[in-house]
Amino acid sequence: MLERVAVGVLLLMLQQNFMLVVSSPSADYPWSYDYDTYQGPQNWGLLFKPWMMCHNGKMQSPIDIPPDRLLFDPNMKPIHIDRISVSMNVI
């Protein structure tokens, strides 16, 4: 009986490892937009210490900007961003 339990636990562990490998995002990005992975949006703030504010709901999470869809415009003027404080409630 104990051997059957040990084999069952071993098979379960192998299945879990296989599922992690199959569902893991590309190594090119430390996050994923797939909610079924640990790197998904629900955990972005837990992946790296500098991203902790994403988890606390106080800063914006990573934005999906596919590099292959970007266009370069040599005539575009530089973007100027002002740091303006805005009052808000985090829900």
PDB file of N, CA and C in Angstrom:
ATOM      1  N   MET A   1       0.822  -1.198   0.000  1.00  0.00           N
ATOM      2  CA  MET A   1       0.000   0.000   0.000  1.00  0.00           C
ATOM      3  C   MET A   1       0.867   1.265   0.000  1.00  0.00           C
ATOM      4  N   LEU A   2       1.906   1.258   0.832  1.00  0.00           N
ATOM      5  CA  LEU A   2       2.792   2.420   0.933  1.00  0.00           C
ATOM      6  C   LEU A   2       3.504   2.679  -0.392  1.00  0.00           C
ATOM      7  N   GLU A   3       3.867   1.601  -1.095  1.00  0.00           N
ATOM      8  CA  GLU A   3       4.525   1.756  -2.393  1.00  0.00           C
ATOM      9  C   GLU A   3       3.591   2.405  -3.408  1.00  0.00           C
ATOM     10  N   ARG A   4       2.308   2.048  -3.383  1.00  0.00           N
ATOM     11  CA  ARG A   4       1.339   2.642  -4.311  1.00  0.00           C
ATOM     12  C   ARG A   4       1.174   4.138  -4.036  1.00  0.00           C
ATOM     13  N   VAL A   5       1.164   4.511  -2.767  1.00  0.00           N
ATOM     14  CA  VAL A   5       1.051   5.932  -2.409  1.00  0.00           C
ATOM     15  C   VAL A   5       2.290   6.682  -2.885  1.00  0.00           C
ATOM     16  N   ALA A   6       3.469   6.088  -2.677  1.00  0.00           N
ATOM     17  CA  ALA A   6       4.718   6.734  -3.099  1.00  0.00           C
ATOM     18  C   ALA A   6       4.750   6.915  -4.619  1.00  0.00           C
ATOM     19  N   VAL A   7       4.302   5.910  -5.356  1.00  0.00           N
ATOM     20  CA  VAL A   7       4.264   6.010  -6.819  1.00  0.00           C
ATOM     21  C   VAL A   7       3.262   7.082  -7.236  1.00  0.00           C
ATOM     22  N   GLY A   8       2.112   7.131  -6.568  1.00  0.00           N
ATOM     23  CA  GLY A   8       1.107   8.156  -6.876  1.00  0.00           C
ATOM     24  C   GLY A   8       1.639   9.557  -6.637  1.00  0.00           C
ATOM     25  N   VAL A   9       2.332   9.753  -5.521  1.00  0.00           N
ATOM     26  CA  VAL A   9       2.914  11.064  -5.214  1.00  0.00           C
ATOM     27  C   VAL A   9       3.973  11.421  -6.244  1.00  0.00           C
ATOM     28  N   LEU A  10       4.799  10.468  -6.622  1.00  0.00           N
ATOM     29  CA  LEU A  10       5.831  10.707  -7.629  1.00  0.00           C
ATOM     30  C   LEU A  10       5.207  11.102  -8.966  1.00  0.00           C
ATOM     31  N   LEU A  11       4.167  10.387  -9.386  1.00  0.00           N
ATOM     32  CA  LEU A  11       3.501  10.721 -10.647  1.00  0.00           C
ATOM     33  C   LEU A  11       2.862  12.105 -10.585  1.00  0.00           C
ATOM     34  N   LEU A  12       2.275  12.444  -9.457  1.00  0.00           N
ATOM     35  CA  LEU A  12       1.675  13.769  -9.294  1.00  0.00           C
ATOM     36  C   LEU A  12       2.741  14.860  -9.396  1.00  0.00           C
ATOM     37  N   MET A  13       3.889  14.634  -8.763  1.00  0.00           N
ATOM     38  CA  MET A  13       4.979  15.619  -8.828  1.00  0.00           C
ATOM     39  C   MET A  13       5.494  15.767 -10.257  1.00  0.00           C
ATOM     40  N   LEU A  14       5.636  14.672 -10.970  1.00  0.00           N
ATOM     41  CA  LEU A  14       6.095  14.736 -12.357  1.00  0.00           C
ATOM     42  C   LEU A  14       5.092  15.480 -13.229  1.00  0.00           C
ATOM     43  N   GLN A  15       3.810  15.244 -13.001  1.00  0.00           N
ATOM     44  CA  GLN A  15       2.779  15.941 -13.773  1.00  0.00           C
ATOM     45  C   GLN A  15       2.839  17.443 -13.506  1.00  0.00           C
ATOM     46  N   GLN A  16       3.001  17.843 -12.251  1.00  0.00           N
ATOM     47  CA  GLN A  16       3.071  19.262 -11.909  1.00  0.00           C
ATOM     48  C   GLN A  16       4.285  19.916 -12.562  1.00  0.00           C
ATOM     49  N   ASN A  17       5.431  19.241 -12.526  1.00  0.00           N
ATOM     50  CA  ASN A  17       6.626  19.789 -13.172  1.00  0.00           C
ATOM     51  C   ASN A  17       6.416  19.927 -14.673  1.00  0.00           C
ATOM     52  N   PHE A  18       5.788  18.950 -15.289  1.00  0.00           N
ATOM     53  CA  PHE A  18       5.507  19.012 -16.719  1.00  0.00           C
ATOM     54  C   PHE A  18       4.599  20.192 -17.030  1.00  0.00           C
ATOM     55  N   MET A  19       3.563  20.403 -16.228  1.00  0.00           N
ATOM     56  CA  MET A  19       2.633  21.508 -16.458  1.00  0.00           C
ATOM     57  C   MET A  19       3.342  22.855 -16.316  1.00  0.00           C
ATOM     58  N   LEU A  20       4.267  22.970 -15.376  1.00  0.00           N
ATOM     59  CA  LEU A  20       5.016  24.220 -15.218  1.00  0.00           C
ATOM     60  C   LEU A  20       5.864  24.505 -16.447  1.00  0.00           C
ATOM     61  N   VAL A  21       6.504  23.485 -16.977  1.00  0.00           N
ATOM     62  CA  VAL A  21       7.346  23.671 -18.163  1.00  0.00           C
ATOM     63  C   VAL A  21       6.497  24.034 -19.368  1.00  0.00           C
ATOM     64  N   VAL A  22       5.388  23.351 -19.555  1.00  0.00           N
ATOM     65  CA  VAL A  22       4.530  23.594 -20.712  1.00  0.00           C
ATOM     66  C   VAL A  22       3.894  24.973 -20.655  1.00  0.00           C
ATOM     67  N   SER A  23       3.484  25.412 -19.464  1.00  0.00           N
ATOM     68  CA  SER A  23       2.765  26.679 -19.358  1.00  0.00           C
ATOM     69  C   SER A  23       3.666  27.867 -19.059  1.00  0.00           C
ATOM     70  N   SER A  24       4.969  27.645 -18.892  1.00  0.00           N
ATOM     71  CA  SER A  24       5.836  28.766 -18.546  1.00  0.00           C
ATOM     72  C   SER A  24       5.990  29.716 -19.728  1.00  0.00           C
ATOM     73  N   PRO A  25       6.044  31.031 -19.438  1.00  0.00           N
ATOM     74  CA  PRO A  25       6.182  32.010 -20.510  1.00  0.00           C
ATOM     75  C   PRO A  25       7.576  31.983 -21.114  1.00  0.00           C
ATOM     76  N   SER A  26       7.729  32.695 -22.183  1.00  0.00           N
ATOM     77  CA  SER A  26       9.010  32.780 -22.859  1.00  0.00           C
ATOM     78  C   SER A  26      10.072  33.328 -21.913  1.00  0.00           C
ATOM     79  N   ALA A  27      11.297  32.831 -22.040  1.00  0.00           N
ATOM     80  CA  ALA A  27      12.391  33.304 -21.196  1.00  0.00           C
ATOM     81  C   ALA A  27      12.787  34.736 -21.544  1.00  0.00           C
ATOM     82  N   ASP A  28      12.277  35.257 -22.664  1.00  0.00           N
ATOM     83  CA  ASP A  28      12.613  36.615 -23.069  1.00  0.00           C
ATOM     84  C   ASP A  28      12.002  37.660 -22.144  1.00  0.00           C
ATOM     85  N   TYR A  29      10.910  37.324 -21.488  1.00  0.00           N
ATOM     86  CA  TYR A  29      10.208  38.280 -20.640  1.00  0.00           C
ATOM     87  C   TYR A  29      10.042  37.707 -19.237  1.00  0.00           C
ATOM     88  N   PRO A  30      10.262  38.527 -18.208  1.00  0.00           N
ATOM     89  CA  PRO A  30      10.104  38.030 -16.834  1.00  0.00           C
ATOM     90  C   PRO A  30       8.651  37.978 -16.391  1.00  0.00           C
ATOM     91  N   TRP A  31       7.716  38.424 -17.237  1.00  0.00           N
ATOM     92  CA  TRP A  31       6.295  38.378 -16.897  1.00  0.00           C
ATOM     93  C   TRP A  31       5.527  37.800 -18.076  1.00  0.00           C
ATOM     94  N   SER A  32       4.276  37.508 -17.824  1.00  0.00           N
ATOM     95  CA  SER A  32       3.416  36.943 -18.856  1.00  0.00           C
ATOM     96  C   SER A  32       2.041  37.596 -18.749  1.00  0.00           C
ATOM     97  N   TYR A  33       1.304  37.586 -19.830  1.00  0.00           N
ATOM     98  CA  TYR A  33      -0.077  38.069 -19.801  1.00  0.00           C
ATOM     99  C   TYR A  33      -1.043  36.902 -19.639  1.00  0.00           C
ATOM    100  N   ASP A  34      -0.513  35.726 -19.368  1.00  0.00           N
ATOM    101  CA  ASP A  34      -1.319  34.527 -19.180  1.00  0.00           C
ATOM    102  C   ASP A  34      -1.648  34.377 -17.694  1.00  0.00           C
ATOM    103  N   TYR A  35      -2.920  34.472 -17.356  1.00  0.00           N
ATOM    104  CA  TYR A  35      -3.339  34.383 -15.960  1.00  0.00           C
ATOM    105  C   TYR A  35      -3.142  32.984 -15.380  1.00  0.00           C
ATOM    106  N   ASP A  36      -2.866  31.997 -16.206  1.00  0.00           N
ATOM    107  CA  ASP A  36      -2.676  30.636 -15.727  1.00  0.00           C
ATOM    108  C   ASP A  36      -1.234  30.342 -15.326  1.00  0.00           C
ATOM    109  N   THR A  37      -0.350  31.326 -15.395  1.00  0.00           N
ATOM    110  CA  THR A  37       1.049  31.118 -15.014  1.00  0.00           C
ATOM    111  C   THR A  37       1.389  31.962 -13.799  1.00  0.00           C
ATOM    112  N   TYR A  38       2.468  31.574 -13.126  1.00  0.00           N
ATOM    113  CA  TYR A  38       2.912  32.351 -11.965  1.00  0.00           C
ATOM    114  C   TYR A  38       3.341  33.759 -12.385  1.00  0.00           C
ATOM    115  N   GLN A  39       3.826  33.914 -13.614  1.00  0.00           N
ATOM    116  CA  GLN A  39       4.279  35.212 -14.102  1.00  0.00           C
ATOM    117  C   GLN A  39       3.124  36.064 -14.611  1.00  0.00           C
ATOM    118  N   GLY A  40       1.886  35.630 -14.421  1.00  0.00           N
ATOM    119  CA  GLY A  40       0.713  36.351 -14.914  1.00  0.00           C
ATOM    120  C   GLY A  40       0.462  37.656 -14.173  1.00  0.00           C
ATOM    121  N   PRO A  41      -0.439  38.488 -14.701  1.00  0.00           N
ATOM    122  CA  PRO A  41      -0.710  39.818 -14.151  1.00  0.00           C
ATOM    123  C   PRO A  41      -1.043  39.828 -12.664  1.00  0.00           C
ATOM    124  N   GLN A  42      -1.685  38.781 -12.171  1.00  0.00           N
ATOM    125  CA  GLN A  42      -2.058  38.753 -10.765  1.00  0.00           C
ATOM    126  C   GLN A  42      -0.841  38.683  -9.849  1.00  0.00           C
ATOM    127  N   ASN A  43       0.330  38.348 -10.392  1.00  0.00           N
ATOM    128  CA  ASN A  43       1.542  38.209  -9.579  1.00  0.00           C
ATOM    129  C   ASN A  43       2.668  39.147  -9.980  1.00  0.00           C
ATOM    130  N   TRP A  44       2.429  40.075 -10.908  1.00  0.00           N
ATOM    131  CA  TRP A  44       3.518  40.938 -11.374  1.00  0.00           C
ATOM    132  C   TRP A  44       4.240  41.629 -10.226  1.00  0.00           C
ATOM    133  N   GLY A  45       3.514  42.091  -9.249  1.00  0.00           N
ATOM    134  CA  GLY A  45       4.131  42.797  -8.129  1.00  0.00           C
ATOM    135  C   GLY A  45       4.947  41.911  -7.218  1.00  0.00           C
ATOM    136  N   LEU A  46       4.846  40.604  -7.377  1.00  0.00           N
ATOM    137  CA  LEU A  46       5.590  39.667  -6.541  1.00  0.00           C
ATOM    138  C   LEU A  46       6.842  39.134  -7.229  1.00  0.00           C
ATOM    139  N   LEU A  47       6.993  39.392  -8.522  1.00  0.00           N
ATOM    140  CA  LEU A  47       8.103  38.812  -9.280  1.00  0.00           C
ATOM    141  C   LEU A  47       9.442  39.458  -8.959  1.00  0.00           C
ATOM    142  N   PHE A  48       9.453  40.775  -8.815  1.00  0.00           N
ATOM    143  CA  PHE A  48      10.688  41.505  -8.541  1.00  0.00           C
ATOM    144  C   PHE A  48      10.401  42.586  -7.512  1.00  0.00           C
ATOM    145  N   LYS A  49      11.351  42.802  -6.616  1.00  0.00           N
ATOM    146  CA  LYS A  49      11.154  43.796  -5.556  1.00  0.00           C
ATOM    147  C   LYS A  49      10.778  45.181  -6.098  1.00  0.00           C
ATOM    148  N   PRO A  50      11.412  45.678  -7.179  1.00  0.00           N
ATOM    149  CA  PRO A  50      11.024  47.001  -7.694  1.00  0.00           C
ATOM    150  C   PRO A  50       9.575  47.067  -8.194  1.00  0.00           C
ATOM    151  N   TRP A  51       8.963  45.923  -8.454  1.00  0.00           N
ATOM    152  CA  TRP A  51       7.582  45.905  -8.949  1.00  0.00           C
ATOM    153  C   TRP A  51       6.561  45.753  -7.832  1.00  0.00           C
ATOM    154  N   MET A  52       6.999  45.793  -6.570  1.00  0.00           N
ATOM    155  CA  MET A  52       6.107  45.563  -5.438  1.00  0.00           C
ATOM    156  C   MET A  52       4.922  46.526  -5.430  1.00  0.00           C
ATOM    157  N   MET A  53       5.116  47.756  -5.898  1.00  0.00           N
ATOM    158  CA  MET A  53       4.014  48.715  -5.900  1.00  0.00           C
ATOM    159  C   MET A  53       2.896  48.262  -6.835  1.00  0.00           C
ATOM    160  N   CYS A  54       3.221  47.471  -7.846  1.00  0.00           N
ATOM    161  CA  CYS A  54       2.167  46.915  -8.708  1.00  0.00           C
ATOM    162  C   CYS A  54       1.260  46.003  -7.886  1.00  0.00           C
ATOM    163  N   HIS A  55       1.844  45.271  -6.971  1.00  0.00           N
ATOM    164  CA  HIS A  55       1.067  44.362  -6.121  1.00  0.00           C
ATOM    165  C   HIS A  55       0.208  45.139  -5.126  1.00  0.00           C
ATOM    166  N   ASN A  56       0.726  46.267  -4.664  1.00  0.00           N
ATOM    167  CA  ASN A  56       0.000  47.078  -3.686  1.00  0.00           C
ATOM    168  C   ASN A  56      -1.036  47.987  -4.334  1.00  0.00           C
ATOM    169  N   GLY A  57      -1.102  48.007  -5.654  1.00  0.00           N
ATOM    170  CA  GLY A  57      -2.096  48.814  -6.348  1.00  0.00           C
ATOM    171  C   GLY A  57      -1.765  50.282  -6.400  1.00  0.00           C
ATOM    172  N   LYS A  58      -0.486  50.640  -6.287  1.00  0.00           N
ATOM    173  CA  LYS A  58      -0.109  52.049  -6.252  1.00  0.00           C
ATOM    174  C   LYS A  58       0.640  52.510  -7.493  1.00  0.00           C
ATOM    175  N   MET A  59       1.013  51.604  -8.363  1.00  0.00           N
ATOM    176  CA  MET A  59       1.712  51.977  -9.592  1.00  0.00           C
ATOM    177  C   MET A  59       1.184  51.122 -10.730  1.00  0.00           C
ATOM    178  N   GLN A  60       1.407  51.563 -11.930  1.00  0.00           N
ATOM    179  CA  GLN A  60       0.915  50.842 -13.100  1.00  0.00           C
ATOM    180  C   GLN A  60       1.731  49.579 -13.333  1.00  0.00           C
ATOM    181  N   SER A  61       1.071  48.540 -13.767  1.00  0.00           N
ATOM    182  CA  SER A  61       1.722  47.281 -14.111  1.00  0.00           C
ATOM    183  C   SER A  61       2.350  47.385 -15.497  1.00  0.00           C
ATOM    184  N   PRO A  62       3.205  46.418 -15.863  1.00  0.00           N
ATOM    185  CA  PRO A  62       3.804  46.447 -17.203  1.00  0.00           C
ATOM    186  C   PRO A  62       2.739  46.501 -18.296  1.00  0.00           C
ATOM    187  N   ILE A  63       3.041  47.175 -19.367  1.00  0.00           N
ATOM    188  CA  ILE A  63       2.128  47.333 -20.495  1.00  0.00           C
ATOM    189  C   ILE A  63       2.627  46.463 -21.641  1.00  0.00           C
ATOM    190  N   ASP A  64       1.722  45.807 -22.322  1.00  0.00           N
ATOM    191  CA  ASP A  64       2.090  44.936 -23.443  1.00  0.00           C
ATOM    192  C   ASP A  64       2.311  45.778 -24.701  1.00  0.00           C
ATOM    193  N   ILE A  65       3.582  46.054 -25.028  1.00  0.00           N
ATOM    194  CA  ILE A  65       3.947  46.782 -26.248  1.00  0.00           C
ATOM    195  C   ILE A  65       4.842  45.848 -27.062  1.00  0.00           C
ATOM    196  N   PRO A  66       4.263  45.110 -28.002  1.00  0.00           N
ATOM    197  CA  PRO A  66       5.071  44.178 -28.795  1.00  0.00           C
ATOM    198  C   PRO A  66       6.098  44.931 -29.651  1.00  0.00           C
ATOM    199  N   PRO A  67       7.390  44.676 -29.473  1.00  0.00           N
ATOM    200  CA  PRO A  67       8.427  45.385 -30.232  1.00  0.00           C
ATOM    201  C   PRO A  67       8.262  45.282 -31.742  1.00  0.00           C
ATOM    202  N   ASP A  68       7.747  44.157 -32.225  1.00  0.00           N
ATOM    203  CA  ASP A  68       7.595  43.999 -33.673  1.00  0.00           C
ATOM    204  C   ASP A  68       6.465  44.859 -34.248  1.00  0.00           C
ATOM    205  N   ARG A  69       5.671  45.505 -33.389  1.00  0.00           N
ATOM    206  CA  ARG A  69       4.576  46.362 -33.860  1.00  0.00           C
ATOM    207  C   ARG A  69       4.913  47.846 -33.736  1.00  0.00           C
ATOM    208  N   LEU A  70       6.101  48.157 -33.218  1.00  0.00           N
ATOM    209  CA  LEU A  70       6.497  49.556 -33.048  1.00  0.00           C
ATOM    210  C   LEU A  70       6.968  50.156 -34.370  1.00  0.00           C
ATOM    211  N   LEU A  71       6.680  51.427 -34.563  1.00  0.00           N
ATOM    212  CA  LEU A  71       7.133  52.151 -35.748  1.00  0.00           C
ATOM    213  C   LEU A  71       8.029  53.304 -35.312  1.00  0.00           C
ATOM    214  N   PHE A  72       9.125  53.500 -36.029  1.00  0.00           N
ATOM    215  CA  PHE A  72      10.033  54.602 -35.726  1.00  0.00           C
ATOM    216  C   PHE A  72       9.707  55.779 -36.632  1.00  0.00           C
ATOM    217  N   ASP A  73       9.542  56.947 -36.033  1.00  0.00           N
ATOM    218  CA  ASP A  73       9.269  58.172 -36.788  1.00  0.00           C
ATOM    219  C   ASP A  73      10.401  59.158 -36.500  1.00  0.00           C
ATOM    220  N   PRO A  74      11.353  59.337 -37.436  1.00  0.00           N
ATOM    221  CA  PRO A  74      12.492  60.228 -37.196  1.00  0.00           C
ATOM    222  C   PRO A  74      12.070  61.690 -37.039  1.00  0.00           C
ATOM    223  N   ASN A  75      10.870  62.049 -37.465  1.00  0.00           N
ATOM    224  CA  ASN A  75      10.397  63.432 -37.352  1.00  0.00           C
ATOM    225  C   ASN A  75       9.638  63.706 -36.057  1.00  0.00           C
ATOM    226  N   MET A  76       9.452  62.682 -35.255  1.00  0.00           N
ATOM    227  CA  MET A  76       8.699  62.855 -34.022  1.00  0.00           C
ATOM    228  C   MET A  76       9.489  63.695 -33.020  1.00  0.00           C
ATOM    229  N   LYS A  77       8.826  64.639 -32.405  1.00  0.00           N
ATOM    230  CA  LYS A  77       9.465  65.485 -31.394  1.00  0.00           C
ATOM    231  C   LYS A  77       9.571  64.702 -30.082  1.00  0.00           C
ATOM    232  N   PRO A  78      10.550  65.041 -29.243  1.00  0.00           N
ATOM    233  CA  PRO A  78      10.692  64.347 -27.954  1.00  0.00           C
ATOM    234  C   PRO A  78       9.426  64.514 -27.103  1.00  0.00           C
ATOM    235  N   ILE A  79       9.140  63.505 -26.333  1.00  0.00           N
ATOM    236  CA  ILE A  79       7.992  63.550 -25.429  1.00  0.00           C
ATOM    237  C   ILE A  79       8.443  64.161 -24.107  1.00  0.00           C
ATOM    238  N   HIS A  80       7.678  65.119 -23.609  1.00  0.00           N
ATOM    239  CA  HIS A  80       7.969  65.739 -22.318  1.00  0.00           C
ATOM    240  C   HIS A  80       6.902  65.282 -21.329  1.00  0.00           C
ATOM    241  N   ILE A  81       7.337  64.673 -20.249  1.00  0.00           N
ATOM    242  CA  ILE A  81       6.398  64.174 -19.245  1.00  0.00           C
ATOM    243  C   ILE A  81       6.595  64.958 -17.958  1.00  0.00           C
ATOM    244  N   ASP A  82       5.522  65.588 -17.493  1.00  0.00           N
ATOM    245  CA  ASP A  82       5.544  66.290 -16.207  1.00  0.00           C
ATOM    246  C   ASP A  82       5.072  65.332 -15.125  1.00  0.00           C
ATOM    247  N   ARG A  83       5.693  65.432 -13.989  1.00  0.00           N
ATOM    248  CA  ARG A  83       5.245  64.626 -12.852  1.00  0.00           C
ATOM    249  C   ARG A  83       4.200  65.430 -12.089  1.00  0.00           C
ATOM    250  N   ILE A  84       2.961  65.150 -12.386  1.00  0.00           N
ATOM    251  CA  ILE A  84       1.858  65.866 -11.762  1.00  0.00           C
ATOM    252  C   ILE A  84       1.173  64.929 -10.770  1.00  0.00           C
ATOM    253  N   SER A  85       0.995  65.394  -9.546  1.00  0.00           N
ATOM    254  CA  SER A  85       0.296  64.597  -8.544  1.00  0.00           C
ATOM    255  C   SER A  85      -1.200  64.628  -8.810  1.00  0.00           C
ATOM    256  N   VAL A  86      -1.814  63.484  -8.667  1.00  0.00           N
ATOM    257  CA  VAL A  86      -3.253  63.361  -8.870  1.00  0.00           C
ATOM    258  C   VAL A  86      -3.838  62.635  -7.669  1.00  0.00           C
ATOM    259  N   SER A  87      -4.883  63.209  -7.080  1.00  0.00           N
ATOM    260  CA  SER A  87      -5.554  62.539  -5.964  1.00  0.00           C
ATOM    261  C   SER A  87      -6.428  61.423  -6.503  1.00  0.00           C
ATOM    262  N   MET A  88      -6.408  60.282  -5.802  1.00  0.00           N
ATOM    263  CA  MET A  88      -7.234  59.163  -6.236  1.00  0.00           C
ATOM    264  C   MET A  88      -7.432  58.204  -5.089  1.00  0.00           C
ATOM    265  N   ASN A  89      -8.386  57.328  -5.252  1.00  0.00           N
ATOM    266  CA  ASN A  89      -8.636  56.254  -4.298  1.00  0.00           C
ATOM    267  C   ASN A  89      -8.368  54.930  -4.986  1.00  0.00           C
ATOM    268  N   VAL A  90      -7.558  54.092  -4.347  1.00  0.00           N
ATOM    269  CA  VAL A  90      -7.289  52.766  -4.885  1.00  0.00           C
ATOM    270  C   VAL A  90      -8.374  51.835  -4.376  1.00  0.00           C
ATOM    271  N   ILE A  91      -9.047  51.180  -5.319  1.00  0.00           N
ATOM    272  CA  ILE A  91     -10.153  50.287  -4.938  1.00  0.00           C
ATOM    273  C   ILE A  91      -9.693  48.850  -5.012  1.00  0.00           C
TER     274      ILE A  91
END
